[in-house]
């Protein structure tokens, strides 16, 4: 399992403000296994190690170092 990042943090760091998907969309993508993540209690998280395979080095640096 990779490091978990909240879907709010994922959305803020992965997308520009005017192009970010709704949180409900991200939750649906996790539920449908389109994005690697998990639901813990009532909160959703993205597994960033799996996400890193698809993002640029700059995005990876932002996610890794905050």
PDB file of N, CA and C in Angstrom:
ATOM      1  N   UNK A   1       0.850  -1.190   0.000  1.00  0.00           N
ATOM      2  CA  UNK A   1       0.000   0.000   0.000  1.00  0.00           C
ATOM      3  C   UNK A   1       0.884   1.238   0.000  1.00  0.00           C
ATOM      4  N   UNK A   2       0.503   2.214  -0.792  1.00  0.00           N
ATOM      5  CA  UNK A   2       1.241   3.464  -0.867  1.00  0.00           C
ATOM      6  C   UNK A   2       0.831   4.430   0.223  1.00  0.00           C
ATOM      7  N   UNK A   3       1.492   5.556   0.234  1.00  0.00           N
ATOM      8  CA  UNK A   3       1.153   6.622   1.176  1.00  0.00           C
ATOM      9  C   UNK A   3      -0.216   7.174   0.818  1.00  0.00           C
ATOM     10  N   UNK A   4      -1.034   7.399   1.811  1.00  0.00           N
ATOM     11  CA  UNK A   4      -2.392   7.886   1.580  1.00  0.00           C
ATOM     12  C   UNK A   4      -2.444   9.406   1.692  1.00  0.00           C
ATOM     13  N   UNK A   5      -3.147  10.016   0.738  1.00  0.00           N
ATOM     14  CA  UNK A   5      -3.350  11.461   0.714  1.00  0.00           C
ATOM     15  C   UNK A   5      -4.855  11.688   0.612  1.00  0.00           C
ATOM     16  N   UNK A   6      -5.374  12.631   1.376  1.00  0.00           N
ATOM     17  CA  UNK A   6      -6.811  12.909   1.323  1.00  0.00           C
ATOM     18  C   UNK A   6      -7.203  13.353  -0.080  1.00  0.00           C
ATOM     19  N   UNK A   7      -8.454  13.100  -0.439  1.00  0.00           N
ATOM     20  CA  UNK A   7      -8.892  13.499  -1.778  1.00  0.00           C
ATOM     21  C   UNK A   7      -8.902  15.014  -1.944  1.00  0.00           C
ATOM     22  N   UNK A   8      -9.050  15.729  -0.847  1.00  0.00           N
ATOM     23  CA  UNK A   8      -8.998  17.199  -0.914  1.00  0.00           C
ATOM     24  C   UNK A   8      -7.589  17.639  -1.298  1.00  0.00           C
ATOM     25  N   UNK A   9      -6.570  17.060  -0.641  1.00  0.00           N
ATOM     26  CA  UNK A   9      -5.177  17.396  -0.961  1.00  0.00           C
ATOM     27  C   UNK A   9      -4.838  16.967  -2.382  1.00  0.00           C
ATOM     28  N   UNK A  10      -5.270  15.777  -2.757  1.00  0.00           N
ATOM     29  CA  UNK A  10      -5.044  15.272  -4.111  1.00  0.00           C
ATOM     30  C   UNK A  10      -5.600  16.246  -5.150  1.00  0.00           C
ATOM     31  N   UNK A  11      -6.824  16.675  -4.948  1.00  0.00           N
ATOM     32  CA  UNK A  11      -7.476  17.585  -5.898  1.00  0.00           C
ATOM     33  C   UNK A  11      -6.758  18.928  -5.963  1.00  0.00           C
ATOM     34  N   UNK A  12      -6.352  19.447  -4.810  1.00  0.00           N
ATOM     35  CA  UNK A  12      -5.670  20.745  -4.778  1.00  0.00           C
ATOM     36  C   UNK A  12      -4.323  20.706  -5.491  1.00  0.00           C
ATOM     37  N   UNK A  13      -3.591  19.599  -5.363  1.00  0.00           N
ATOM     38  CA  UNK A  13      -2.247  19.523  -5.917  1.00  0.00           C
ATOM     39  C   UNK A  13      -2.208  18.963  -7.335  1.00  0.00           C
ATOM     40  N   UNK A  14      -3.227  18.244  -7.731  1.00  0.00           N
ATOM     41  CA  UNK A  14      -3.235  17.593  -9.044  1.00  0.00           C
ATOM     42  C   UNK A  14      -3.886  18.443 -10.122  1.00  0.00           C
ATOM     43  N   UNK A  15      -4.818  19.315  -9.746  1.00  0.00           N
ATOM     44  CA  UNK A  15      -5.599  20.062 -10.723  1.00  0.00           C
ATOM     45  C   UNK A  15      -5.524  21.560 -10.483  1.00  0.00           C
ATOM     46  N   UNK A  16      -5.693  22.323 -11.545  1.00  0.00           N
ATOM     47  CA  UNK A  16      -5.835  23.763 -11.425  1.00  0.00           C
ATOM     48  C   UNK A  16      -7.224  24.014 -10.843  1.00  0.00           C
ATOM     49  N   UNK A  17      -7.397  25.106 -10.147  1.00  0.00           N
ATOM     50  CA  UNK A  17      -8.660  25.394  -9.456  1.00  0.00           C
ATOM     51  C   UNK A  17      -9.866  25.347 -10.390  1.00  0.00           C
ATOM     52  N   UNK A  18      -9.718  25.855 -11.593  1.00  0.00           N
ATOM     53  CA  UNK A  18     -10.857  25.901 -12.513  1.00  0.00           C
ATOM     54  C   UNK A  18     -11.102  24.596 -13.267  1.00  0.00           C
ATOM     55  N   UNK A  19     -10.213  23.607 -13.080  1.00  0.00           N
ATOM     56  CA  UNK A  19     -10.401  22.334 -13.777  1.00  0.00           C
ATOM     57  C   UNK A  19     -10.547  21.148 -12.827  1.00  0.00           C
ATOM     58  N   UNK A  20     -10.559  21.409 -11.533  1.00  0.00           N
ATOM     59  CA  UNK A  20     -10.630  20.334 -10.541  1.00  0.00           C
ATOM     60  C   UNK A  20     -12.001  19.662 -10.548  1.00  0.00           C
ATOM     61  N   UNK A  21     -12.024  18.331 -10.527  1.00  0.00           N
ATOM     62  CA  UNK A  21     -13.310  17.632 -10.462  1.00  0.00           C
ATOM     63  C   UNK A  21     -13.947  17.791  -9.086  1.00  0.00           C
ATOM     64  N   UNK A  22     -15.229  17.611  -9.041  1.00  0.00           N
ATOM     65  CA  UNK A  22     -15.960  17.638  -7.781  1.00  0.00           C
ATOM     66  C   UNK A  22     -15.494  16.473  -6.901  1.00  0.00           C
ATOM     67  N   UNK A  23     -15.522  16.649  -5.599  1.00  0.00           N
ATOM     68  CA  UNK A  23     -15.119  15.575  -4.687  1.00  0.00           C
ATOM     69  C   UNK A  23     -15.972  14.323  -4.874  1.00  0.00           C
ATOM     70  N   UNK A  24     -17.251  14.510  -5.204  1.00  0.00           N
ATOM     71  CA  UNK A  24     -18.126  13.347  -5.461  1.00  0.00           C
ATOM     72  C   UNK A  24     -17.628  12.540  -6.651  1.00  0.00           C
ATOM     73  N   UNK A  25     -17.082  13.214  -7.643  1.00  0.00           N
ATOM     74  CA  UNK A  25     -16.532  12.525  -8.812  1.00  0.00           C
ATOM     75  C   UNK A  25     -15.317  11.696  -8.422  1.00  0.00           C
ATOM     76  N   UNK A  26     -14.442  12.265  -7.616  1.00  0.00           N
ATOM     77  CA  UNK A  26     -13.256  11.532  -7.168  1.00  0.00           C
ATOM     78  C   UNK A  26     -13.665  10.321  -6.337  1.00  0.00           C
ATOM     79  N   UNK A  27     -14.628  10.494  -5.452  1.00  0.00           N
ATOM     80  CA  UNK A  27     -15.114   9.369  -4.641  1.00  0.00           C
ATOM     81  C   UNK A  27     -15.669   8.264  -5.535  1.00  0.00           C
ATOM     82  N   UNK A  28     -16.430   8.653  -6.545  1.00  0.00           N
ATOM     83  CA  UNK A  28     -17.006   7.677  -7.469  1.00  0.00           C
ATOM     84  C   UNK A  28     -15.900   6.928  -8.219  1.00  0.00           C
ATOM     85  N   UNK A  29     -14.868   7.642  -8.653  1.00  0.00           N
ATOM     86  CA  UNK A  29     -13.758   7.007  -9.361  1.00  0.00           C
ATOM     87  C   UNK A  29     -13.019   6.013  -8.470  1.00  0.00           C
ATOM     88  N   UNK A  30     -12.892   6.322  -7.194  1.00  0.00           N
ATOM     89  CA  UNK A  30     -12.283   5.374  -6.252  1.00  0.00           C
ATOM     90  C   UNK A  30     -13.191   4.164  -6.087  1.00  0.00           C
ATOM     91  N   UNK A  31     -14.476   4.394  -5.887  1.00  0.00           N
ATOM     92  CA  UNK A  31     -15.432   3.291  -5.716  1.00  0.00           C
ATOM     93  C   UNK A  31     -15.457   2.371  -6.933  1.00  0.00           C
ATOM     94  N   UNK A  32     -15.253   2.933  -8.122  1.00  0.00           N
ATOM     95  CA  UNK A  32     -15.274   2.157  -9.357  1.00  0.00           C
ATOM     96  C   UNK A  32     -13.889   1.663  -9.778  1.00  0.00           C
ATOM     97  N   UNK A  33     -12.888   1.855  -8.901  1.00  0.00           N
ATOM     98  CA  UNK A  33     -11.505   1.404  -9.132  1.00  0.00           C
ATOM     99  C   UNK A  33     -10.851   2.077 -10.342  1.00  0.00           C
ATOM    100  N   UNK A  34     -11.293   3.269 -10.689  1.00  0.00           N
ATOM    101  CA  UNK A  34     -10.658   4.028 -11.767  1.00  0.00           C
ATOM    102  C   UNK A  34      -9.427   4.768 -11.239  1.00  0.00           C
ATOM    103  N   UNK A  35      -9.446   5.089  -9.958  1.00  0.00           N
ATOM    104  CA  UNK A  35      -8.325   5.707  -9.255  1.00  0.00           C
ATOM    105  C   UNK A  35      -7.986   4.779  -8.092  1.00  0.00           C
ATOM    106  N   UNK A  36      -6.682   4.565  -7.855  1.00  0.00           N
ATOM    107  CA  UNK A  36      -6.290   3.706  -6.743  1.00  0.00           C
ATOM    108  C   UNK A  36      -6.419   4.500  -5.449  1.00  0.00           C
ATOM    109  N   UNK A  37      -7.317   4.060  -4.612  1.00  0.00           N
ATOM    110  CA  UNK A  37      -7.557   4.735  -3.349  1.00  0.00           C
ATOM    111  C   UNK A  37      -8.382   3.853  -2.448  1.00  0.00           C
ATOM    112  N   UNK A  38      -8.798   4.410  -1.344  1.00  0.00           N
ATOM    113  CA  UNK A  38      -9.605   3.633  -0.406  1.00  0.00           C
ATOM    114  C   UNK A  38     -10.453   4.541   0.446  1.00  0.00           C
ATOM    115  N   UNK A  39     -11.496   3.961   0.981  1.00  0.00           N
ATOM    116  CA  UNK A  39     -12.370   4.657   1.914  1.00  0.00           C
ATOM    117  C   UNK A  39     -12.066   4.097   3.299  1.00  0.00           C
ATOM    118  N   UNK A  40     -11.765   4.989   4.221  1.00  0.00           N
ATOM    119  CA  UNK A  40     -11.509   4.600   5.611  1.00  0.00           C
ATOM    120  C   UNK A  40     -12.527   5.365   6.446  1.00  0.00           C
ATOM    121  N   UNK A  41     -13.446   4.622   7.033  1.00  0.00           N
ATOM    122  CA  UNK A  41     -14.559   5.268   7.719  1.00  0.00           C
ATOM    123  C   UNK A  41     -15.395   6.004   6.696  1.00  0.00           C
ATOM    124  N   UNK A  42     -15.538   7.306   6.878  1.00  0.00           N
ATOM    125  CA  UNK A  42     -16.307   8.119   5.930  1.00  0.00           C
ATOM    126  C   UNK A  42     -15.414   8.942   5.009  1.00  0.00           C
ATOM    127  N   UNK A  43     -14.089   8.802   5.157  1.00  0.00           N
ATOM    128  CA  UNK A  43     -13.158   9.616   4.367  1.00  0.00           C
ATOM    129  C   UNK A  43     -12.500   8.793   3.266  1.00  0.00           C
ATOM    130  N   UNK A  44     -12.216   9.476   2.158  1.00  0.00           N
ATOM    131  CA  UNK A  44     -11.567   8.856   1.010  1.00  0.00           C
ATOM    132  C   UNK A  44     -10.129   9.343   0.887  1.00  0.00           C
ATOM    133  N   UNK A  45      -9.260   8.439   0.435  1.00  0.00           N
ATOM    134  CA  UNK A  45      -7.842   8.737   0.265  1.00  0.00           C
ATOM    135  C   UNK A  45      -7.350   8.174  -1.061  1.00  0.00           C
ATOM    136  N   UNK A  46      -6.333   8.821  -1.631  1.00  0.00           N
ATOM    137  CA  UNK A  46      -5.659   8.353  -2.836  1.00  0.00           C
ATOM    138  C   UNK A  46      -4.341   7.727  -2.391  1.00  0.00           C
ATOM    139  N   UNK A  47      -3.996   6.573  -2.978  1.00  0.00           N
ATOM    140  CA  UNK A  47      -2.691   5.966  -2.721  1.00  0.00           C
ATOM    141  C   UNK A  47      -1.702   6.604  -3.683  1.00  0.00           C
ATOM    142  N   UNK A  48      -0.843   7.478  -3.169  1.00  0.00           N
ATOM    143  CA  UNK A  48      -0.001   8.286  -4.044  1.00  0.00           C
ATOM    144  C   UNK A  48       1.114   7.505  -4.716  1.00  0.00           C
ATOM    145  N   UNK A  49       1.601   6.424  -4.160  1.00  0.00           N
ATOM    146  CA  UNK A  49       2.651   5.664  -4.833  1.00  0.00           C
ATOM    147  C   UNK A  49       2.144   5.131  -6.165  1.00  0.00           C
ATOM    148  N   UNK A  50       0.899   4.691  -6.225  1.00  0.00           N
ATOM    149  CA  UNK A  50       0.313   4.246  -7.483  1.00  0.00           C
ATOM    150  C   UNK A  50       0.052   5.437  -8.397  1.00  0.00           C
ATOM    151  N   UNK A  51      -0.333   6.542  -7.829  1.00  0.00           N
ATOM    152  CA  UNK A  51      -0.594   7.743  -8.606  1.00  0.00           C
ATOM    153  C   UNK A  51       0.689   8.266  -9.248  1.00  0.00           C
ATOM    154  N   UNK A  52       1.840   8.145  -8.548  1.00  0.00           N
ATOM    155  CA  UNK A  52       3.106   8.650  -9.067  1.00  0.00           C
ATOM    156  C   UNK A  52       3.433   8.094 -10.447  1.00  0.00           C
ATOM    157  N   UNK A  53       3.013   6.886 -10.741  1.00  0.00           N
ATOM    158  CA  UNK A  53       3.335   6.276 -12.031  1.00  0.00           C
ATOM    159  C   UNK A  53       2.766   7.075 -13.195  1.00  0.00           C
ATOM    160  N   UNK A  54       1.742   7.873 -12.938  1.00  0.00           N
ATOM    161  CA  UNK A  54       1.063   8.579 -14.007  1.00  0.00           C
ATOM    162  C   UNK A  54       1.333  10.079 -14.015  1.00  0.00           C
ATOM    163  N   UNK A  55       2.071  10.602 -13.056  1.00  0.00           N
ATOM    164  CA  UNK A  55       2.240  12.048 -13.000  1.00  0.00           C
ATOM    165  C   UNK A  55       3.669  12.451 -13.370  1.00  0.00           C
ATOM    166  N   UNK A  56       3.834  13.706 -13.649  1.00  0.00           N
ATOM    167  CA  UNK A  56       5.129  14.233 -14.055  1.00  0.00           C
ATOM    168  C   UNK A  56       6.057  14.344 -12.850  1.00  0.00           C
ATOM    169  N   UNK A  57       7.359  14.497 -13.094  1.00  0.00           N
ATOM    170  CA  UNK A  57       8.305  14.678 -11.977  1.00  0.00           C
ATOM    171  C   UNK A  57       7.971  15.880 -11.098  1.00  0.00           C
ATOM    172  N   UNK A  58       7.466  16.944 -11.699  1.00  0.00           N
ATOM    173  CA  UNK A  58       7.102  18.132 -10.913  1.00  0.00           C
ATOM    174  C   UNK A  58       5.925  17.816 -10.000  1.00  0.00           C
ATOM    175  N   UNK A  59       4.897  17.157 -10.538  1.00  0.00           N
ATOM    176  CA  UNK A  59       3.752  16.768  -9.712  1.00  0.00           C
ATOM    177  C   UNK A  59       4.175  15.821  -8.604  1.00  0.00           C
ATOM    178  N   UNK A  60       5.041  14.896  -8.925  1.00  0.00           N
ATOM    179  CA  UNK A  60       5.528  13.927  -7.947  1.00  0.00           C
ATOM    180  C   UNK A  60       6.241  14.661  -6.805  1.00  0.00           C
ATOM    181  N   UNK A  61       7.053  15.660  -7.166  1.00  0.00           N
ATOM    182  CA  UNK A  61       7.772  16.433  -6.158  1.00  0.00           C
ATOM    183  C   UNK A  61       6.807  17.202  -5.260  1.00  0.00           C
ATOM    184  N   UNK A  62       5.778  17.795  -5.856  1.00  0.00           N
ATOM    185  CA  UNK A  62       4.784  18.547  -5.076  1.00  0.00           C
ATOM    186  C   UNK A  62       4.071  17.618  -4.105  1.00  0.00           C
ATOM    187  N   UNK A  63       3.641  16.452  -4.593  1.00  0.00           N
ATOM    188  CA  UNK A  63       2.928  15.520  -3.723  1.00  0.00           C
ATOM    189  C   UNK A  63       3.822  14.948  -2.637  1.00  0.00           C
ATOM    190  N   UNK A  64       5.074  14.698  -2.981  1.00  0.00           N
ATOM    191  CA  UNK A  64       5.971  14.064  -2.015  1.00  0.00           C
ATOM    192  C   UNK A  64       6.431  15.040  -0.932  1.00  0.00           C
ATOM    193  N   UNK A  65       6.706  16.274  -1.332  1.00  0.00           N
ATOM    194  CA  UNK A  65       7.256  17.245  -0.385  1.00  0.00           C
ATOM    195  C   UNK A  65       6.247  18.257   0.114  1.00  0.00           C
ATOM    196  N   UNK A  66       5.027  18.212  -0.414  1.00  0.00           N
ATOM    197  CA  UNK A  66       3.987  19.140   0.038  1.00  0.00           C
ATOM    198  C   UNK A  66       4.288  20.490  -0.413  1.00  0.00           C
TER     199      UNK A  66
END
